[in-house]
Protein backbone atom coordinates (compact mmCIF):
# COMPACT_ATOMS: atom_id res chain seq x y z
CA GLY A 1 -84.68 13.25 -76.60
CA HIS A 2 -83.13 16.46 -77.86
CA CYS A 3 -79.83 14.88 -78.94
CA PRO A 4 -80.34 15.40 -82.72
CA MET A 5 -81.21 19.09 -82.25
CA THR A 6 -78.30 19.56 -79.85
CA ALA A 7 -75.93 17.96 -82.33
CA LEU A 8 -77.26 20.19 -85.09
CA LEU A 9 -76.69 23.27 -82.95
CA LEU A 10 -73.14 22.13 -82.18
CA VAL A 11 -72.47 21.94 -85.90
CA LEU A 12 -73.94 25.44 -86.30
CA LEU A 13 -71.71 26.71 -83.51
CA LEU A 14 -68.64 25.24 -85.17
CA SER A 15 -69.59 26.69 -88.55
CA VAL A 16 -70.04 30.17 -87.07
CA ALA A 17 -66.90 29.99 -84.91
CA ALA A 18 -64.48 28.64 -87.51
CA PRO A 19 -64.19 31.78 -89.69
CA ALA A 20 -63.06 33.80 -86.67
CA SER A 21 -60.48 31.28 -85.55
CA GLY A 22 -56.74 31.59 -85.63
CA ILE A 23 -56.76 28.87 -88.30
CA ALA A 24 -58.72 31.12 -90.61
CA ALA A 25 -56.42 34.01 -89.75
CA LEU A 26 -53.49 32.11 -91.21
CA ALA A 27 -54.78 32.82 -94.70
CA ARG A 28 -56.03 36.34 -94.08
CA PRO A 29 -53.98 38.91 -96.07
CA ALA A 30 -53.92 41.46 -93.26
CA LEU A 31 -50.61 43.05 -94.26
CA GLY A 32 -49.37 44.58 -97.47
CA GLY A 33 -46.78 42.66 -99.47
CA HIS A 34 -43.77 44.77 -98.50
CA LYS A 35 -44.78 44.70 -94.82
CA VAL A 36 -45.12 40.91 -94.92
CA ALA A 37 -41.63 40.63 -96.41
CA ALA A 38 -40.21 42.91 -93.72
CA SER A 39 -41.99 40.93 -91.00
CA ARG A 40 -40.60 37.67 -92.35
CA ARG A 41 -37.06 39.10 -92.33
CA ARG A 42 -37.49 40.09 -88.70
CA LEU A 43 -38.73 36.61 -87.83
CA GLU A 44 -35.65 35.04 -89.41
CA GLN A 45 -33.56 36.90 -86.83
CA GLN A 46 -35.55 35.49 -83.90
CA PRO A 47 -34.80 32.27 -81.96
CA VAL A 48 -35.86 28.92 -83.44
CA SER A 49 -39.39 29.38 -84.78
CA LEU A 50 -41.76 26.44 -85.18
CA ALA A 51 -44.50 28.26 -87.09
CA VAL A 52 -45.79 31.67 -88.01
CA ALA A 53 -49.27 33.08 -88.29
CA PHE A 54 -51.07 36.33 -88.80
CA ASP A 55 -52.57 37.58 -85.54
CA GLY A 56 -54.60 40.74 -85.94
CA GLY A 57 -52.35 41.86 -88.79
CA VAL A 58 -49.11 41.16 -86.89
CA LEU A 59 -46.91 38.26 -87.87
CA ALA A 60 -46.29 36.28 -84.66
CA ALA A 61 -43.93 33.38 -84.10
CA ILE A 62 -44.11 30.24 -82.03
CA THR A 63 -40.77 30.24 -80.21
CA PRO A 64 -39.50 28.34 -77.15
CA ALA A 65 -40.28 31.47 -75.11
CA THR A 66 -43.91 31.69 -76.26
CA LEU A 67 -44.39 27.96 -75.84
CA GLY A 68 -43.03 28.17 -72.31
CA ARG A 69 -45.29 31.09 -71.46
CA ASP A 70 -48.37 29.40 -72.90
CA ALA A 71 -47.61 26.10 -71.17
CA ALA A 72 -47.10 27.87 -67.84
CA SER A 73 -50.29 29.89 -68.29
CA ALA A 74 -52.27 26.76 -69.15
CA SER A 75 -50.89 25.01 -66.07
CA VAL A 76 -51.89 27.90 -63.81
CA CYS A 77 -55.38 28.02 -65.34
CA ALA A 78 -55.84 24.27 -65.05
CA GLY A 79 -54.83 24.37 -61.39
CA ALA A 80 -57.13 27.30 -60.69
CA ALA A 81 -60.01 25.58 -62.51
CA TRP A 82 -59.51 22.43 -60.44
CA MET A 83 -59.48 24.43 -57.19
CA TRP A 84 -62.57 26.42 -58.20
CA VAL A 85 -64.61 23.29 -58.90
CA ALA A 86 -63.17 21.40 -55.92
CA PHE A 87 -64.06 24.23 -53.53
CA TRP A 88 -67.74 24.33 -54.45
CA SER A 89 -67.90 20.55 -54.80
CA LYS A 90 -66.61 20.14 -51.26
CA LEU A 91 -69.11 22.63 -49.86
CA ALA A 92 -71.94 20.75 -51.56
CA ALA A 93 -70.65 17.35 -50.48
CA ASP A 94 -70.43 18.53 -46.86
CA GLY A 95 -73.98 19.85 -47.00
CA ARG A 96 -72.91 23.46 -46.38
CA ILE A 97 -74.69 24.68 -49.53
CA GLN A 98 -77.43 23.15 -51.64
CA PRO A 99 -76.22 21.12 -54.66
CA ASN A 100 -78.45 23.23 -56.94
CA LEU A 101 -76.65 26.37 -55.80
CA SER A 102 -73.15 24.88 -56.11
CA ARG A 103 -74.03 23.61 -59.58
CA LYS A 104 -75.11 27.05 -60.77
CA ILE A 105 -72.19 28.86 -59.12
CA ILE A 106 -69.80 26.54 -60.97
CA HIS A 107 -71.84 27.06 -64.15
CA THR A 108 -71.85 30.85 -63.78
CA GLY A 109 -68.20 31.37 -62.92
CA SER A 110 -66.11 28.68 -64.59
CA ALA A 111 -66.03 29.85 -68.20
CA PRO A 112 -65.88 33.65 -67.64
CA LEU A 113 -63.13 33.30 -65.02
CA PHE A 114 -61.12 31.24 -67.50
CA MET A 115 -61.59 33.91 -70.17
CA LEU A 116 -60.34 36.53 -67.73
CA CYS A 117 -57.04 34.63 -67.77
CA TRP A 118 -56.61 34.74 -71.55
CA PRO A 119 -54.30 37.80 -71.41
CA LEU A 120 -51.78 35.59 -69.57
CA PHE A 121 -51.09 33.76 -72.83
CA SER A 122 -48.76 34.89 -75.61
CA PRO A 123 -49.88 36.33 -78.98
CA ALA A 124 -48.46 33.27 -80.76
CA PRO A 125 -50.71 30.68 -82.46
CA SER A 126 -49.76 28.19 -79.75
CA ALA A 127 -51.85 30.12 -77.22
CA PRO A 128 -55.38 28.91 -78.08
CA ILE A 129 -54.13 25.34 -78.53
CA LEU A 130 -52.47 25.15 -75.12
CA ALA A 131 -55.28 27.15 -73.50
CA GLY A 132 -57.70 24.60 -74.95
CA ALA A 133 -56.01 21.98 -72.78
CA VAL A 134 -57.74 23.52 -69.75
CA PRO A 135 -61.35 22.76 -70.80
CA LEU A 136 -60.13 19.53 -72.40
CA LEU A 137 -58.88 18.31 -69.01
CA GLN A 138 -62.27 19.15 -67.53
CA ILE A 139 -63.98 17.22 -70.33
CA ILE A 140 -61.85 14.19 -69.47
CA ARG A 141 -62.68 14.60 -65.79
CA LEU A 142 -66.41 14.80 -66.53
CA TYR A 143 -66.19 11.73 -68.75
CA ARG A 144 -64.49 9.82 -65.93
CA ALA A 145 -67.15 10.99 -63.50
CA GLY A 146 -69.95 9.89 -65.83
CA ARG A 147 -68.41 6.53 -66.66
CA ALA A 148 -66.87 5.59 -63.32
CA GLN A 149 -69.79 3.29 -62.46
CA PRO A 150 -73.31 2.52 -63.70
CA ALA A 151 -75.43 5.66 -63.71
CA GLN A 152 -77.37 5.75 -60.44
CA PRO A 153 -78.01 8.22 -57.63
CA THR A 154 -75.10 8.61 -55.22
CA PRO A 155 -76.38 8.54 -51.62
CA VAL A 156 -75.46 11.61 -49.56
CA GLY A 157 -72.59 10.78 -47.25
CA ALA A 158 -71.70 7.53 -49.01
CA ALA A 159 -67.99 6.73 -49.22
CA GLU A 160 -66.60 6.08 -52.68
CA ALA A 161 -63.24 4.89 -53.89
CA ASP A 162 -62.79 7.39 -56.72
CA ASP A 163 -62.27 11.14 -56.54
CA THR A 164 -65.28 12.10 -58.65
CA ALA A 165 -68.06 11.63 -56.09
CA ASP A 166 -67.93 15.21 -54.80
CA LEU A 167 -67.89 16.52 -58.36
CA VAL A 168 -71.02 14.53 -59.24
CA LYS A 169 -72.87 15.81 -56.17
CA ALA A 170 -71.93 19.41 -57.03
CA ILE A 171 -72.87 19.46 -60.72
CA SER A 172 -75.88 17.13 -60.91
CA ARG A 173 -79.49 17.71 -60.03
CA SER A 174 -80.28 14.18 -58.85
CA GLY A 175 -76.86 12.77 -57.92
CA SER A 176 -76.84 10.54 -60.99
CA ARG A 177 -73.42 10.17 -62.59
CA SER A 178 -74.99 10.21 -66.04
CA GLU A 179 -75.70 13.93 -65.59
CA ALA A 180 -71.97 14.66 -65.81
CA LEU A 181 -72.21 13.67 -69.47
CA GLY A 182 -75.17 15.97 -70.11
CA GLY A 183 -75.24 19.72 -69.50
CA PRO A 184 -71.84 20.05 -67.78
CA PHE A 185 -70.14 18.08 -70.57
CA LEU A 186 -71.76 20.21 -73.30
CA TYR A 187 -70.94 23.42 -71.40
CA THR A 188 -67.25 22.49 -71.26
CA LEU A 189 -67.26 21.34 -74.88
CA VAL A 190 -68.64 24.73 -75.96
CA LEU A 191 -65.93 26.43 -73.90
CA LEU A 192 -63.32 24.34 -75.73
CA VAL A 193 -64.76 25.44 -79.08
CA ALA A 194 -64.78 29.08 -77.97
CA THR A 195 -61.16 28.81 -76.84
CA VAL A 196 -59.73 27.17 -79.93
CA LEU A 197 -61.90 28.81 -82.60
CA GLY A 198 -62.93 32.07 -80.96
CA TRP A 199 -59.72 32.99 -79.21
CA ARG A 200 -59.87 36.52 -77.77
CA SER A 201 -62.82 37.50 -79.97
CA PRO A 202 -65.83 39.55 -78.81
CA ALA A 203 -68.18 36.99 -80.35
CA ALA A 204 -66.77 34.18 -78.23
CA ALA A 205 -66.87 36.35 -75.10
CA VAL A 206 -70.50 37.29 -75.65
CA ALA A 207 -71.56 33.72 -76.47
CA ILE A 208 -69.90 32.31 -73.36
CA CYS A 209 -71.32 35.01 -71.09
CA GLN A 210 -74.85 34.31 -72.34
CA MET A 211 -74.42 30.58 -71.71
CA ALA A 212 -72.60 30.78 -68.39
CA VAL A 213 -73.50 34.01 -66.61
CA GLY A 214 -76.94 34.63 -68.10
CA ASP A 215 -78.27 31.11 -67.69
CA GLY A 216 -76.61 30.61 -64.31
CA VAL A 217 -77.83 33.82 -62.70
CA ALA A 218 -81.30 33.32 -64.21
CA ASP A 219 -81.60 30.01 -62.39
CA ILE A 220 -80.32 31.38 -59.06
CA VAL A 221 -82.61 34.43 -59.14
CA GLY A 222 -85.55 32.52 -60.59
CA ARG A 223 -85.53 29.96 -57.79
CA ARG A 224 -85.62 32.68 -55.16
CA TYR A 225 -87.79 35.37 -56.70
CA GLY A 226 -89.44 33.69 -59.66
CA SER A 227 -93.05 33.57 -58.50
CA VAL A 228 -94.34 35.00 -61.80
CA LYS A 229 -93.89 32.40 -64.53
CA TRP A 230 -94.01 32.74 -68.28
CA PRO A 231 -97.34 31.26 -69.47
CA PHE A 232 -95.67 29.53 -72.42
CA SER A 233 -92.73 28.27 -70.32
CA PRO A 234 -94.05 27.52 -66.83
CA SER A 235 -90.69 26.31 -65.50
CA LYS A 236 -89.09 29.72 -66.24
CA SER A 237 -89.82 33.02 -64.51
CA VAL A 238 -89.95 36.65 -65.54
CA ALA A 239 -87.48 37.53 -62.76
CA GLY A 240 -85.09 34.86 -64.01
CA SER A 241 -85.24 36.18 -67.57
CA ALA A 242 -84.62 39.75 -66.38
CA ALA A 243 -81.63 38.53 -64.37
CA PHE A 244 -80.38 36.68 -67.45
CA VAL A 245 -80.39 39.84 -69.56
CA ALA A 246 -78.83 42.08 -66.91
CA SER A 247 -76.06 39.69 -65.90
CA ALA A 248 -75.18 38.47 -69.40
CA PHE A 249 -75.15 42.03 -70.73
CA SER A 250 -72.86 43.24 -67.92
CA ALA A 251 -70.48 40.28 -68.11
CA SER A 252 -70.23 40.49 -71.90
CA LEU A 253 -69.31 44.18 -71.79
CA GLY A 254 -66.81 43.46 -69.05
CA LEU A 255 -64.97 40.90 -71.18
CA ILE A 256 -65.12 43.12 -74.27
CA SER A 257 -63.56 45.92 -72.19
CA LEU A 258 -60.82 43.56 -71.07
CA PHE A 259 -60.12 42.38 -74.62
CA HIS A 260 -60.06 45.97 -75.86
CA ALA A 261 -57.69 47.05 -73.07
CA PHE A 262 -55.22 44.33 -74.05
CA GLY A 263 -55.50 45.13 -77.76
CA PHE A 264 -57.31 41.95 -78.76
CA THR A 265 -60.13 43.89 -80.45
CA ALA A 266 -60.83 47.41 -81.66
CA LEU A 267 -64.38 47.11 -80.38
CA THR A 268 -65.16 49.10 -77.24
CA ALA A 269 -67.80 48.31 -74.65
CA ALA A 270 -69.62 51.56 -75.40
CA ALA A 271 -69.81 50.79 -79.11
CA ALA A 272 -70.88 47.21 -78.46
CA ALA A 273 -73.50 47.97 -75.82
CA PRO A 274 -76.62 48.32 -78.06
CA ALA A 275 -75.83 45.12 -79.97
CA VAL A 276 -74.94 43.20 -76.81
CA LEU A 277 -78.20 44.27 -75.17
CA LEU A 278 -80.15 42.96 -78.17
CA ILE A 279 -78.12 39.72 -78.14
CA SER A 280 -78.80 39.28 -74.42
CA LEU A 281 -82.54 39.81 -74.91
CA LEU A 282 -82.70 37.29 -77.75
CA SER A 283 -80.51 34.79 -75.89
CA ALA A 284 -82.83 35.03 -72.89
CA ALA A 285 -85.69 34.22 -75.26
CA VAL A 286 -83.79 31.18 -76.58
CA GLU A 287 -83.24 30.03 -72.99
CA LEU A 288 -87.04 29.84 -72.60
CA LEU A 289 -87.30 27.11 -75.24
CA PRO A 290 -88.28 23.67 -73.88
CA ALA A 291 -85.35 21.55 -72.73
CA GLU A 292 -86.70 18.71 -74.85
CA LEU A 293 -85.99 20.74 -77.98
CA ALA A 294 -82.30 21.44 -77.35
CA ASP A 295 -79.89 21.77 -74.43
CA ASP A 296 -79.50 25.45 -73.57
CA ASN A 297 -75.78 24.91 -73.05
CA VAL A 298 -75.68 24.65 -76.85
CA SER A 299 -78.71 26.57 -78.11
CA VAL A 300 -77.94 29.76 -76.17
CA PRO A 301 -74.24 30.12 -77.16
CA ALA A 302 -74.99 29.06 -80.75
CA ALA A 303 -77.63 31.78 -81.08
CA ALA A 304 -75.47 34.36 -79.30
CA TRP A 305 -72.41 33.58 -81.41
CA ALA A 306 -74.36 33.79 -84.67
CA LEU A 307 -75.88 37.11 -83.60
CA SER A 308 -72.48 38.41 -82.47
CA ALA A 309 -70.85 37.48 -85.77
CA TRP A 310 -73.53 39.54 -87.49
CA LEU A 311 -73.86 42.51 -85.11
CA LEU A 312 -70.33 42.92 -83.74
CA SER A 313 -68.53 43.21 -87.08
CA ALA A 314 -66.19 45.85 -85.66
CA GLY A 315 -64.57 43.21 -83.45
């Protein structure tokens, strides 16, 4: 299978993401010596502080207030994520929409909608850790769904004792529980990496939008309008690739605009547009690679993140 290549790409993704993480920011000398000393004196006057870290050049503290805010925000996001998946899972289980459509709607919306909630969290270093609990809970849920019983197709309308049957029907192509541990599991794992190591960074936003929005919309459009196929990739269509580029480009700029508006990055959507367009074009090309080579839930964000780290240096 493509497991070795997928594992290699996961390692690449981690190696690209780590330098931009909050962990790396701890050692970054963003402030001058006298400013650091002044910031430390101000922190000593604050309520009980568990840790300090540099965040975009500003010394931020983990206090009971920031912990409470981050825990509350994570709880809200986890509840919203559960409702989002449950809604589409129920529609698919009831036969009101096709499982393929519910699967791609969940794929397209889950990660970007979560990133839209990142401004709810505090500027303290606790934010990405507690935010990471949201995709981590989904990883646990997917693991339960994949391991709940021997991997086999779940008959439509069959009653099951556990609460994962609807989820399996909504996210799998065939109804096999083993699929929960494939693409959906990798997708959520990449989102966890982006949250913890790419917190509020343009590179993480672009990588996730290529994986989620680009790939998801490409599949939806390709199934409906994809009569013209690529000769070297007969399962993929020209219309799907065009939809990939347009949707991933738009979603990426939308998140960059949001991050800029909240002061997470100096990079503007206008300044990023040429680079993001190139990244979207190249990511769409990566998505055309055979599935046997690597899972596109890893290959696409890995390529997009590496390109973003190179081309979006202003962020």
